[in-house]
Amino acid sequence: MQGPDFDRPTAEVIEQLSRAGTATLQGILKRMGVRRVWMPLYPLKSGMKCVGPALT
C-alpha cells in the first residue's frame, strides 16, 4: 500500500502506548470524539502486543 508520508510517532511514544491496554486506548479515543473504532486483531499468544503507526 502506498500513500502520502505522515508523521510517525517517536520510539518513546510507541513504548508508552505499548503499556496501555486496548480498553484504555478505546476510552481515550471515545473522549476525543473518535467513535466506532474496531479492528479484528488479536495476539498470536497470551501476553503479546501490537503497537505502532499505521496507514489505513
N, C-alpha and C. Protein backbone atom coordinates (compact mmCIF):
# COMPACT_ATOMS: atom_id res chain seq x y z
N MET A 1 0.85 -1.17 0.00
CA MET A 1 0.00 0.00 0.00
C MET A 1 0.90 1.23 0.00
N GLN A 2 0.58 2.17 -0.83
CA GLN A 2 1.32 3.43 -0.86
C GLN A 2 0.37 4.57 -0.58
N GLY A 3 0.88 5.54 0.09
CA GLY A 3 0.10 6.73 0.41
C GLY A 3 1.04 7.86 0.72
N PRO A 4 0.49 8.99 1.10
CA PRO A 4 1.34 10.13 1.41
C PRO A 4 2.14 9.88 2.69
N ASP A 5 3.30 10.50 2.78
CA ASP A 5 4.08 10.43 4.01
C ASP A 5 3.29 11.05 5.14
N PHE A 6 3.46 10.53 6.34
CA PHE A 6 2.81 11.10 7.51
C PHE A 6 3.78 11.03 8.68
N ASP A 7 3.57 11.91 9.65
CA ASP A 7 4.43 11.93 10.82
C ASP A 7 4.28 10.63 11.59
N ARG A 8 5.39 10.02 11.91
CA ARG A 8 5.37 8.78 12.66
C ARG A 8 5.72 9.06 14.12
N PRO A 9 5.13 8.30 15.03
CA PRO A 9 5.41 8.54 16.44
C PRO A 9 6.86 8.18 16.79
N THR A 10 7.35 8.84 17.81
CA THR A 10 8.71 8.55 18.27
C THR A 10 8.73 7.20 18.96
N ALA A 11 9.93 6.66 19.15
CA ALA A 11 10.08 5.39 19.86
C ALA A 11 9.53 5.50 21.28
N GLU A 12 9.67 6.66 21.90
CA GLU A 12 9.16 6.88 23.25
C GLU A 12 7.63 6.77 23.28
N VAL A 13 6.97 7.38 22.32
CA VAL A 13 5.50 7.32 22.26
C VAL A 13 5.05 5.88 22.04
N ILE A 14 5.70 5.17 21.15
CA ILE A 14 5.34 3.77 20.89
C ILE A 14 5.52 2.93 22.15
N GLU A 15 6.61 3.17 22.89
CA GLU A 15 6.87 2.43 24.12
C GLU A 15 5.78 2.71 25.15
N GLN A 16 5.37 3.98 25.27
CA GLN A 16 4.32 4.34 26.22
C GLN A 16 2.99 3.69 25.83
N LEU A 17 2.66 3.72 24.56
CA LEU A 17 1.41 3.11 24.11
C LEU A 17 1.41 1.59 24.30
N SER A 18 2.58 0.98 24.21
CA SER A 18 2.65 -0.48 24.36
C SER A 18 2.28 -0.92 25.77
N ARG A 19 2.33 0.00 26.73
CA ARG A 19 1.97 -0.33 28.12
C ARG A 19 0.48 -0.17 28.39
N ALA A 20 -0.25 0.43 27.47
CA ALA A 20 -1.68 0.68 27.68
C ALA A 20 -2.51 -0.47 27.11
N GLY A 21 -3.59 -0.79 27.79
CA GLY A 21 -4.50 -1.83 27.30
C GLY A 21 -5.43 -1.27 26.24
N THR A 22 -6.04 -2.15 25.48
CA THR A 22 -6.94 -1.71 24.41
C THR A 22 -8.15 -0.97 24.95
N ALA A 23 -8.66 -1.38 26.12
CA ALA A 23 -9.82 -0.70 26.70
C ALA A 23 -9.46 0.75 27.06
N THR A 24 -8.26 0.95 27.57
CA THR A 24 -7.80 2.30 27.91
C THR A 24 -7.72 3.17 26.66
N LEU A 25 -7.09 2.63 25.62
CA LEU A 25 -6.96 3.39 24.37
C LEU A 25 -8.32 3.66 23.75
N GLN A 26 -9.22 2.69 23.81
CA GLN A 26 -10.58 2.87 23.28
C GLN A 26 -11.28 4.01 24.01
N GLY A 27 -11.14 4.06 25.34
CA GLY A 27 -11.75 5.12 26.13
C GLY A 27 -11.21 6.49 25.79
N ILE A 28 -9.90 6.57 25.57
CA ILE A 28 -9.28 7.84 25.20
C ILE A 28 -9.80 8.30 23.84
N LEU A 29 -9.84 7.40 22.87
CA LEU A 29 -10.36 7.75 21.54
C LEU A 29 -11.81 8.21 21.63
N LYS A 30 -12.60 7.54 22.46
CA LYS A 30 -14.01 7.92 22.61
C LYS A 30 -14.14 9.33 23.17
N ARG A 31 -13.32 9.66 24.19
CA ARG A 31 -13.35 11.02 24.76
C ARG A 31 -12.90 12.06 23.74
N MET A 32 -12.06 11.64 22.78
CA MET A 32 -11.60 12.56 21.74
C MET A 32 -12.62 12.69 20.61
N GLY A 33 -13.71 11.93 20.69
CA GLY A 33 -14.75 12.01 19.66
C GLY A 33 -14.62 10.99 18.55
N VAL A 34 -13.66 10.07 18.68
CA VAL A 34 -13.48 9.02 17.67
C VAL A 34 -14.35 7.84 18.09
N ARG A 35 -15.40 7.59 17.34
CA ARG A 35 -16.37 6.55 17.69
C ARG A 35 -16.24 5.34 16.77
N ARG A 36 -16.79 4.26 17.19
CA ARG A 36 -16.85 3.01 16.43
C ARG A 36 -15.50 2.58 15.88
N VAL A 37 -14.51 2.56 16.74
CA VAL A 37 -13.17 2.09 16.35
C VAL A 37 -13.10 0.61 16.67
N TRP A 38 -12.90 -0.20 15.67
CA TRP A 38 -12.85 -1.63 15.88
C TRP A 38 -12.00 -2.27 14.80
N MET A 39 -11.11 -3.14 15.22
CA MET A 39 -10.31 -3.91 14.28
C MET A 39 -10.24 -5.34 14.81
N PRO A 40 -10.44 -6.32 13.98
CA PRO A 40 -10.43 -7.71 14.45
C PRO A 40 -9.00 -8.25 14.62
N LEU A 41 -8.19 -7.57 15.39
CA LEU A 41 -6.82 -8.01 15.63
C LEU A 41 -6.75 -8.67 16.99
N TYR A 42 -5.90 -9.66 17.10
CA TYR A 42 -5.73 -10.34 18.37
C TYR A 42 -4.31 -10.89 18.43
N PRO A 43 -3.78 -11.07 19.65
CA PRO A 43 -2.42 -11.59 19.78
C PRO A 43 -2.34 -13.06 19.36
N LEU A 44 -1.18 -13.45 18.87
CA LEU A 44 -0.98 -14.84 18.49
C LEU A 44 -0.85 -15.74 19.71
N LYS A 45 -0.34 -15.17 20.81
CA LYS A 45 -0.30 -15.91 22.07
C LYS A 45 -0.45 -14.92 23.22
N SER A 46 -0.85 -15.41 24.35
CA SER A 46 -1.11 -14.57 25.52
C SER A 46 0.10 -13.70 25.86
N GLY A 47 -0.15 -12.43 26.14
CA GLY A 47 0.91 -11.51 26.53
C GLY A 47 1.50 -10.71 25.39
N MET A 48 1.21 -11.06 24.16
CA MET A 48 1.75 -10.32 23.02
C MET A 48 0.97 -9.03 22.81
N LYS A 49 1.67 -8.01 22.29
CA LYS A 49 1.03 -6.73 21.99
C LYS A 49 1.48 -6.26 20.62
N CYS A 50 0.68 -5.40 20.02
CA CYS A 50 0.99 -4.81 18.73
C CYS A 50 0.76 -3.32 18.85
N VAL A 51 1.78 -2.52 18.58
CA VAL A 51 1.64 -1.08 18.67
C VAL A 51 2.57 -0.45 17.64
N GLY A 52 2.12 0.63 17.01
CA GLY A 52 2.94 1.34 16.04
C GLY A 52 2.09 2.11 15.06
N PRO A 53 2.73 2.81 14.14
CA PRO A 53 2.00 3.62 13.17
C PRO A 53 1.31 2.74 12.13
N ALA A 54 0.23 3.27 11.58
CA ALA A 54 -0.48 2.54 10.53
C ALA A 54 -1.08 3.52 9.54
N LEU A 55 -1.08 3.15 8.29
CA LEU A 55 -1.74 3.92 7.25
C LEU A 55 -2.99 3.14 6.87
N THR A 56 -4.15 3.71 7.15
CA THR A 56 -5.39 2.99 6.88
C THR A 56 -6.27 3.78 5.94
